[in-house]
PDB file of N, CA and C in Angstrom:
ATOM      1  N   MET A   1     223.627  50.767 153.680  1.00  0.00           N
ATOM      2  CA  MET A   1     222.735  51.321 153.237  1.00  0.00           C
ATOM      3  C   MET A   1     221.529  51.814 154.788  1.00  0.00           C
ATOM      4  N   THR A   2     221.182  52.726 154.122  1.00  0.00           N
ATOM      5  CA  THR A   2     220.450  54.127 154.995  1.00  0.00           C
ATOM      6  C   THR A   2     219.382  53.069 155.738  1.00  0.00           C
ATOM      7  N   ASP A   3     218.537  53.366 156.576  1.00  0.00           N
ATOM      8  CA  ASP A   3     217.164  52.901 156.606  1.00  0.00           C
ATOM      9  C   ASP A   3     216.131  53.713 155.437  1.00  0.00           C
ATOM     10  N   SER A   4     216.152  54.626 155.352  1.00  0.00           N
ATOM     11  CA  SER A   4     215.378  55.358 153.829  1.00  0.00           C
ATOM     12  C   SER A   4     215.653  54.412 152.947  1.00  0.00           C
ATOM     13  N   ASP A   5     216.901  54.117 152.087  1.00  0.00           N
ATOM     14  CA  ASP A   5     217.059  53.486 151.522  1.00  0.00           C
ATOM     15  C   ASP A   5     216.326  51.816 151.377  1.00  0.00           C
ATOM     16  N   ILE A   6     216.584  51.234 152.657  1.00  0.00           N
ATOM     17  CA  ILE A   6     215.771  50.006 152.929  1.00  0.00           C
ATOM     18  C   ILE A   6     214.326  50.629 152.403  1.00  0.00           C
ATOM     19  N   LEU A   7     213.810  51.551 153.462  1.00  0.00           N
ATOM     20  CA  LEU A   7     212.435  51.241 153.542  1.00  0.00           C
ATOM     21  C   LEU A   7     211.992  51.726 151.893  1.00  0.00           C
ATOM     22  N   SER A   8     212.718  52.510 151.087  1.00  0.00           N
ATOM     23  CA  SER A   8     212.089  52.629 149.838  1.00  0.00           C
ATOM     24  C   SER A   8     212.603  51.393 148.950  1.00  0.00           C
ATOM     25  N   ARG A   9     213.707  50.428 148.986  1.00  0.00           N
ATOM     26  CA  ARG A   9     213.320  49.181 148.816  1.00  0.00           C
ATOM     27  C   ARG A   9     212.276  48.333 148.826  1.00  0.00           C
ATOM     28  N   ASP A  10     212.392  48.357 150.207  1.00  0.00           N
ATOM     29  CA  ASP A  10     210.991  47.205 150.943  1.00  0.00           C
ATOM     30  C   ASP A  10     209.581  48.019 149.554  1.00  0.00           C
ATOM     31  N   ILE A  11     209.583  49.458 149.581  1.00  0.00           N
ATOM     32  CA  ILE A  11     208.260  49.546 149.171  1.00  0.00           C
ATOM     33  C   ILE A  11     208.121  49.326 147.724  1.00  0.00           C
ATOM     34  N   HIS A  12     209.344  49.136 146.892  1.00  0.00           N
ATOM     35  CA  HIS A  12     209.088  49.104 145.560  1.00  0.00           C
ATOM     36  C   HIS A  12     209.277  47.994 144.947  1.00  0.00           C
ATOM     37  N   ALA A  13     209.901  46.991 146.436  1.00  0.00           N
ATOM     38  CA  ALA A  13     209.737  45.527 145.922  1.00  0.00           C
ATOM     39  C   ALA A  13     207.820  44.534 146.169  1.00  0.00           C
ATOM     40  N   LEU A  14     207.347  45.513 147.214  1.00  0.00           N
ATOM     41  CA  LEU A  14     205.612  45.355 147.192  1.00  0.00           C
ATOM     42  C   LEU A  14     205.313  46.187 146.002  1.00  0.00           C
ATOM     43  N   GLN A  15     205.343  46.570 145.990  1.00  0.00           N
ATOM     44  CA  GLN A  15     204.483  47.675 144.491  1.00  0.00           C
ATOM     45  C   GLN A  15     204.927  46.723 143.099  1.00  0.00           C
ATOM     46  N   GLU A  16     206.066  46.137 143.366  1.00  0.00           N
ATOM     47  CA  GLU A  16     205.996  45.228 142.071  1.00  0.00           C
ATOM     48  C   GLU A  16     205.667  43.848 142.327  1.00  0.00           C
ATOM     49  N   LEU A  17     205.465  43.138 143.906  1.00  0.00           N
ATOM     50  CA  LEU A  17     204.374  42.146 143.810  1.00  0.00           C
ATOM     51  C   LEU A  17     203.247  42.278 143.666  1.00  0.00           C
ATOM     52  N   GLN A  18     202.568  43.008 143.995  1.00  0.00           N
ATOM     53  CA  GLN A  18     201.348  43.636 143.471  1.00  0.00           C
ATOM     54  C   GLN A  18     200.960  43.488 141.846  1.00  0.00           C
ATOM     55  N   ARG A  19     202.031  44.404 141.416  1.00  0.00           N
ATOM     56  CA  ARG A  19     201.940  44.429 140.074  1.00  0.00           C
ATOM     57  C   ARG A  19     202.077  42.915 139.296  1.00  0.00           C
ATOM     58  N   VAL A  20     202.624  42.057 139.793  1.00  0.00           N
ATOM     59  CA  VAL A  20     203.012  40.550 139.258  1.00  0.00           C
ATOM     60  C   VAL A  20     201.570  39.937 139.674  1.00  0.00           C
ATOM     61  N   ALA A  21     201.479  39.819 140.930  1.00  0.00           N
ATOM     62  CA  ALA A  21     199.951  39.330 141.847  1.00  0.00           C
ATOM     63  C   ALA A  21     198.738  39.507 140.634  1.00  0.00           C
ATOM     64  N   TRP A  22     198.996  40.759 140.230  1.00  0.00           N
ATOM     65  CA  TRP A  22     197.600  41.780 139.157  1.00  0.00           C
ATOM     66  C   TRP A  22     197.474  40.801 137.988  1.00  0.00           C
ATOM     67  N   GLY A  23     198.458  40.827 137.840  1.00  0.00           N
ATOM     68  CA  GLY A  23     198.880  40.527 135.875  1.00  0.00           C
ATOM     69  C   GLY A  23     198.201  38.802 136.218  1.00  0.00           C
ATOM     70  N   GLN A  24     198.968  38.075 137.468  1.00  0.00           N
ATOM     71  CA  GLN A  24     198.377  36.603 137.637  1.00  0.00           C
ATOM     72  C   GLN A  24     197.062  36.343 137.235  1.00  0.00           C
ATOM     73  N   LEU A  25     196.644  37.350 138.419  1.00  0.00           N
ATOM     74  CA  LEU A  25     195.051  37.250 138.435  1.00  0.00           C
ATOM     75  C   LEU A  25     194.479  36.857 136.919  1.00  0.00           C
ATOM     76  N   ALA A  26     194.974  37.861 136.224  1.00  0.00           N
ATOM     77  CA  ALA A  26     194.022  37.757 134.963  1.00  0.00           C
ATOM     78  C   ALA A  26     194.400  36.643 133.982  1.00  0.00           C
ATOM     79  N   SER A  27     194.753  35.465 134.559  1.00  0.00           N
ATOM     80  CA  SER A  27     195.049  34.452 133.826  1.00  0.00           C
ATOM     81  C   SER A  27     193.846  33.359 134.153  1.00  0.00           C
ATOM     82  N   PRO A  28     193.314  33.271 133.175  1.00  0.00           N
ATOM     83  CA  PRO A  28     192.124  32.257 132.937  1.00  0.00           C
ATOM     84  C   PRO A  28     192.585  30.316 133.012  1.00  0.00           C
ATOM     85  N   SER A  29     193.783  30.448 133.147  1.00  0.00           N
ATOM     86  CA  SER A  29     193.880  28.875 133.828  1.00  0.00           C
ATOM     87  C   SER A  29     193.946  28.402 135.505  1.00  0.00           C
ATOM     88  N   LEU A  30     193.896  29.665 135.792  1.00  0.00           N
ATOM     89  CA  LEU A  30     193.576  29.710 137.604  1.00  0.00           C
ATOM     90  C   LEU A  30     192.579  28.963 138.138  1.00  0.00           C
ATOM     91  N   THR A  31     193.183  28.318 139.012  1.00  0.00           N
ATOM     92  CA  THR A  31     191.719  27.269 140.020  1.00  0.00           C
ATOM     93  C   THR A  31     190.930  28.841 140.987  1.00  0.00           C
ATOM     94  N   THR A  32     190.219  28.530 140.938  1.00  0.00           N
ATOM     95  CA  THR A  32     189.393  29.568 142.122  1.00  0.00           C
ATOM     96  C   THR A  32     190.137  29.432 143.001  1.00  0.00           C
ATOM     97  N   PHE A  33     190.956  28.210 143.553  1.00  0.00           N
ATOM     98  CA  PHE A  33     192.083  28.152 145.155  1.00  0.00           C
ATOM     99  C   PHE A  33     192.550  29.143 144.780  1.00  0.00           C
ATOM    100  N   ASP A  34     193.446  29.359 143.591  1.00  0.00           N
ATOM    101  CA  ASP A  34     194.774  30.325 143.170  1.00  0.00           C
ATOM    102  C   ASP A  34     194.312  31.318 143.620  1.00  0.00           C
ATOM    103  N   ARG A  35     192.996  31.989 142.812  1.00  0.00           N
ATOM    104  CA  ARG A  35     192.219  33.129 142.750  1.00  0.00           C
ATOM    105  C   ARG A  35     192.589  33.570 143.986  1.00  0.00           C
ATOM    106  N   ARG A  36     191.817  32.894 144.918  1.00  0.00           N
ATOM    107  CA  ARG A  36     191.899  33.402 146.324  1.00  0.00           C
ATOM    108  C   ARG A  36     192.869  33.537 146.979  1.00  0.00           C
ATOM    109  N   GLU A  37     194.430  32.770 146.604  1.00  0.00           N
ATOM    110  CA  GLU A  37     195.376  33.360 147.446  1.00  0.00           C
ATOM    111  C   GLU A  37     195.939  34.114 146.619  1.00  0.00           C
ATOM    112  N   ILE A  38     195.986  34.469 145.409  1.00  0.00           N
ATOM    113  CA  ILE A  38     196.241  35.648 145.176  1.00  0.00           C
ATOM    114  C   ILE A  38     195.729  36.784 145.409  1.00  0.00           C
ATOM    115  N   ARG A  39     194.858  37.056 146.204  1.00  0.00           N
ATOM    116  CA  ARG A  39     193.632  37.942 146.340  1.00  0.00           C
ATOM    117  C   ARG A  39     194.328  38.317 147.871  1.00  0.00           C
ATOM    118  N   ASN A  40     194.211  36.959 148.565  1.00  0.00           N
ATOM    119  CA  ASN A  40     194.697  37.187 149.960  1.00  0.00           C
ATOM    120  C   ASN A  40     196.410  37.579 149.834  1.00  0.00           C
ATOM    121  N   GLN A  41     197.319  37.134 148.884  1.00  0.00           N
ATOM    122  CA  GLN A  41     198.574  37.762 149.140  1.00  0.00           C
ATOM    123  C   GLN A  41     198.526  39.503 148.491  1.00  0.00           C
ATOM    124  N   ILE A  42     197.798  39.715 147.818  1.00  0.00           N
ATOM    125  CA  ILE A  42     197.158  41.270 146.929  1.00  0.00           C
ATOM    126  C   ILE A  42     197.047  42.247 148.743  1.00  0.00           C
ATOM    127  N   ARG A  43     195.926  41.492 149.433  1.00  0.00           N
ATOM    128  CA  ARG A  43     195.253  42.334 150.294  1.00  0.00           C
ATOM    129  C   ARG A  43     196.679  42.391 151.521  1.00  0.00           C
ATOM    130  N   GLN A  44     197.374  41.209 151.738  1.00  0.00           N
ATOM    131  CA  GLN A  44     198.577  41.279 152.797  1.00  0.00           C
ATOM    132  C   GLN A  44     199.369  42.497 152.188  1.00  0.00           C
ATOM    133  N   SER A  45     200.027  42.459 151.207  1.00  0.00           N
ATOM    134  CA  SER A  45     200.958  43.449 150.756  1.00  0.00           C
ATOM    135  C   SER A  45     200.164  44.659 150.959  1.00  0.00           C
ATOM    136  N   GLU A  46     199.124  44.635 151.145  1.00  0.00           N
ATOM    137  CA  GLU A  46     198.441  45.969 150.616  1.00  0.00           C
ATOM    138  C   GLU A  46     198.388  46.708 151.891  1.00  0.00           C
ATOM    139  N   VAL A  47     198.080  45.981 153.005  1.00  0.00           N
ATOM    140  CA  VAL A  47     198.550  46.552 154.405  1.00  0.00           C
ATOM    141  C   VAL A  47     200.153  46.721 154.886  1.00  0.00           C
ATOM    142  N   GLU A  48     200.853  45.813 154.029  1.00  0.00           N
ATOM    143  CA  GLU A  48     202.594  45.950 154.557  1.00  0.00           C
ATOM    144  C   GLU A  48     202.797  47.660 153.519  1.00  0.00           C
ATOM    145  N   LEU A  49     201.988  47.944 152.362  1.00  0.00           N
ATOM    146  CA  LEU A  49     202.739  48.866 151.802  1.00  0.00           C
ATOM    147  C   LEU A  49     202.477  49.703 152.297  1.00  0.00           C
ATOM    148  N   LYS A  50     201.052  50.141 152.938  1.00  0.00           N
ATOM    149  CA  LYS A  50     200.586  51.379 153.250  1.00  0.00           C
ATOM    150  C   LYS A  50     201.066  51.741 154.884  1.00  0.00           C
ATOM    151  N   THR A  51     201.666  51.042 155.325  1.00  0.00           N
ATOM    152  CA  THR A  51     202.531  50.665 156.574  1.00  0.00           C
ATOM    153  C   THR A  51     203.695  51.433 156.344  1.00  0.00           C
ATOM    154  N   TYR A  52     204.432  51.306 155.438  1.00  0.00           N
ATOM    155  CA  TYR A  52     205.188  51.399 154.950  1.00  0.00           C
ATOM    156  C   TYR A  52     205.350  52.759 154.214  1.00  0.00           C
ATOM    157  N   LEU A  53     204.518  53.213 153.342  1.00  0.00           N
ATOM    158  CA  LEU A  53     204.286  54.568 153.122  1.00  0.00           C
ATOM    159  C   LEU A  53     203.653  55.739 154.020  1.00  0.00           C
ATOM    160  N   LYS A  54     203.252  54.948 155.183  1.00  0.00           N
ATOM    161  CA  LYS A  54     203.061  56.050 156.555  1.00  0.00           C
ATOM    162  C   LYS A  54     204.394  56.503 157.016  1.00  0.00           C
ATOM    163  N   MET A  55     205.003  55.200 157.370  1.00  0.00           N
ATOM    164  CA  MET A  55     206.736  55.250 157.881  1.00  0.00           C
ATOM    165  C   MET A  55     206.972  56.175 156.904  1.00  0.00           C
ATOM    166  N   LYS A  56     207.286  56.647 155.875  1.00  0.00           N
ATOM    167  CA  LYS A  56     208.085  56.833 154.603  1.00  0.00           C
ATOM    168  C   LYS A  56     207.354  58.866 154.763  1.00  0.00           C
ATOM    169  N   SER A  57     206.524  58.459 155.093  1.00  0.00           N
ATOM    170  CA  SER A  57     205.986  60.114 154.932  1.00  0.00           C
ATOM    171  C   SER A  57     206.259  60.578 156.035  1.00  0.00           C
ATOM    172  N   GLU A  58     206.095  60.040 157.439  1.00  0.00           N
ATOM    173  CA  GLU A  58     206.653  60.627 158.572  1.00  0.00           C
ATOM    174  C   GLU A  58     207.775  60.717 159.029  1.00  0.00           C
ATOM    175  N   ARG A  59     208.893  59.716 158.076  1.00  0.00           N
ATOM    176  CA  ARG A  59     210.307  60.334 158.281  1.00  0.00           C
ATOM    177  C   ARG A  59     210.359  61.523 157.488  1.00  0.00           C
ATOM    178  N   ALA A  60     209.707  61.757 156.169  1.00  0.00           N
ATOM    179  CA  ALA A  60     209.632  63.200 155.567  1.00  0.00           C
ATOM    180  C   ALA A  60     209.392  64.443 156.138  1.00  0.00           C
ATOM    181  N   ARG A  61     207.934  64.337 157.100  1.00  0.00           N
ATOM    182  CA  ARG A  61     207.925  65.435 157.646  1.00  0.00           C
ATOM    183  C   ARG A  61     208.558  65.498 159.067  1.00  0.00           C
ATOM    184  N   PHE A  62     209.383  64.612 159.473  1.00  0.00           N
ATOM    185  CA  PHE A  62     210.279  64.755 160.453  1.00  0.00           C
ATOM    186  C   PHE A  62     211.580  64.201 160.366  1.00  0.00           C
ATOM    187  N   PRO A  63     212.464  64.618 159.729  1.00  0.00           N
ATOM    188  CA  PRO A  63     213.546  64.591 159.621  1.00  0.00           C
ATOM    189  C   PRO A  63     214.440  63.932 160.465  1.00  0.00           C
ATOM    190  N   VAL A  64     215.295  62.973 160.619  1.00  0.00           N
ATOM    191  CA  VAL A  64     216.285  62.590 161.923  1.00  0.00           C
ATOM    192  C   VAL A  64     217.714  63.450 161.839  1.00  0.00           C
ATOM    193  N   TYR A  65     217.671  63.778 162.993  1.00  0.00           N
ATOM    194  CA  TYR A  65     218.501  64.746 162.982  1.00  0.00           C
ATOM    195  C   TYR A  65     220.249  63.810 162.921  1.00  0.00           C
ATOM    196  N   THR A  66     220.916  63.896 162.234  1.00  0.00           N
ATOM    197  CA  THR A  66     222.595  63.702 161.906  1.00  0.00           C
ATOM    198  C   THR A  66     223.498  64.689 162.386  1.00  0.00           C
ATOM    199  N   PRO A  67     224.054  64.006 163.114  1.00  0.00           N
ATOM    200  CA  PRO A  67     225.274  65.056 163.734  1.00  0.00           C
ATOM    201  C   PRO A  67     226.325  65.585 162.374  1.00  0.00           C
ATOM    202  N   PRO A  68     226.606  66.522 162.666  1.00  0.00           N
ATOM    203  CA  PRO A  68     227.891  66.887 161.572  1.00  0.00           C
ATOM    204  C   PRO A  68     229.379  65.671 161.633  1.00  0.00           C
ATOM    205  N   ASP A  69     230.019  65.964 160.638  1.00  0.00           N
ATOM    206  CA  ASP A  69     231.215  64.768 160.292  1.00  0.00           C
ATOM    207  C   ASP A  69     232.095  65.205 161.893  1.00  0.00           C
ATOM    208  N   SER A  70     233.136  64.907 162.048  1.00  0.00           N
ATOM    209  CA  SER A  70     234.287  65.062 162.896  1.00  0.00           C
ATOM    210  C   SER A  70     235.193  66.064 162.636  1.00  0.00           C
ATOM    211  N   ASN A  71     234.983  66.543 161.351  1.00  0.00           N
ATOM    212  CA  ASN A  71     235.754  67.355 161.081  1.00  0.00           C
ATOM    213  C   ASN A  71     234.791  68.849 160.751  1.00  0.00           C
ATOM    214  N   TYR A  72     234.044  68.422 160.802  1.00  0.00           N
ATOM    215  CA  TYR A  72     233.202  69.759 160.989  1.00  0.00           C
ATOM    216  C   TYR A  72     233.716  70.820 162.446  1.00  0.00           C
ATOM    217  N   ARG A  73     233.678  71.796 161.514  1.00  0.00           N
ATOM    218  CA  ARG A  73     234.039  72.866 162.697  1.00  0.00           C
ATOM    219  C   ARG A  73     232.879  73.882 163.509  1.00  0.00           C
ATOM    220  N   ARG A  74     232.618  73.879 164.380  1.00  0.00           N
ATOM    221  CA  ARG A  74     231.794  75.055 164.703  1.00  0.00           C
ATOM    222  C   ARG A  74     231.974  76.242 164.651  1.00  0.00           C
ATOM    223  N   PRO A  75     230.900  76.842 164.092  1.00  0.00           N
ATOM    224  CA  PRO A  75     231.636  78.556 163.741  1.00  0.00           C
ATOM    225  C   PRO A  75     232.254  79.074 165.058  1.00  0.00           C
ATOM    226  N   VAL A  76     233.481  79.963 164.925  1.00  0.00           N
ATOM    227  CA  VAL A  76     233.434  80.667 166.048  1.00  0.00           C
ATOM    228  C   VAL A  76     232.804  82.125 166.625  1.00  0.00           C
ATOM    229  N   ARG A  77     232.604  81.940 167.950  1.00  0.00           N
ATOM    230  CA  ARG A  77     230.990  82.876 168.261  1.00  0.00           C
ATOM    231  C   ARG A  77     232.120  83.883 168.341  1.00  0.00           C
ATOM    232  N   PRO A  78     231.503  85.075 168.070  1.00  0.00           N
ATOM    233  CA  PRO A  78     232.516  86.418 168.393  1.00  0.00           C
ATOM    234  C   PRO A  78     232.326  86.987 169.747  1.00  0.00           C
ATOM    235  N   SER A  79     233.249  87.315 170.543  1.00  0.00           N
ATOM    236  CA  SER A  79     233.141  87.971 171.699  1.00  0.00           C
ATOM    237  C   SER A  79     232.735  89.673 171.051  1.00  0.00           C
ATOM    238  N   PHE A  80     231.988  89.641 171.737  1.00  0.00           N
ATOM    239  CA  PHE A  80     231.703  91.241 171.764  1.00  0.00           C
ATOM    240  C   PHE A  80     231.740  92.268 173.200  1.00  0.00           C
ATOM    241  N   ARG A  81     232.873  92.848 173.465  1.00  0.00           N
ATOM    242  CA  ARG A  81     232.763  93.626 174.556  1.00  0.00           C
ATOM    243  C   ARG A  81     232.109  95.066 174.312  1.00  0.00           C
ATOM    244  N   LEU A  82     231.405  95.894 175.294  1.00  0.00           N
ATOM    245  CA  LEU A  82     230.600  96.831 175.158  1.00  0.00           C
ATOM    246  C   LEU A  82     231.577  97.770 175.995  1.00  0.00           C
ATOM    247  N   LEU A  83     231.546  99.046 175.045  1.00  0.00           N
ATOM    248  CA  LEU A  83     232.407  99.793 175.291  1.00  0.00           C
ATOM    249  C   LEU A  83     231.869 101.117 176.293  1.00  0.00           C
ATOM    250  N   ALA A  84     232.345 101.825 177.382  1.00  0.00           N
ATOM    251  CA  ALA A  84     231.623 102.763 177.937  1.00  0.00           C
ATOM    252  C   ALA A  84     231.485 103.933 177.023  1.00  0.00           C
ATOM    253  N   SER A  85     230.736 104.782 176.932  1.00  0.00           N
ATOM    254  CA  SER A  85     230.670 105.790 176.630  1.00  0.00           C
ATOM    255  C   SER A  85     230.654 106.867 177.599  1.00  0.00           C
ATOM    256  N   ASP A  86     231.425 107.818 177.746  1.00  0.00           N
ATOM    257  CA  ASP A  86     231.419 109.071 178.562  1.00  0.00           C
ATOM    258  C   ASP A  86     230.596 110.086 178.230  1.00  0.00           C
TER     259      ASP A  86
END
C-alpha cells in the first residue's frame, strides 16, 4: 500500500468516526458526561482530519518523483554533427 492509499484510508476512517459520533450525540439517553466525551472525541478527530487533509493537499500540489522502472530506457540522445559549408 502506498502512502497516499494509507492517508486516504485514514481520512475516510476519521470521517466515518465523526459521522457515527454525531449520530450518537443525537441520542436522548446519553448522560452529560457521555455527551462531553463524544464532543471531545469529535474535536480531537477534527484536528487530526485537518492535519491529514492538509498533508493530502500538499502531496497533490507537490507530487513525489518516482523513478522509472528498471526496464525503462531513456530515449537515445541524437548526436548531431555540424557540417562546414564552404
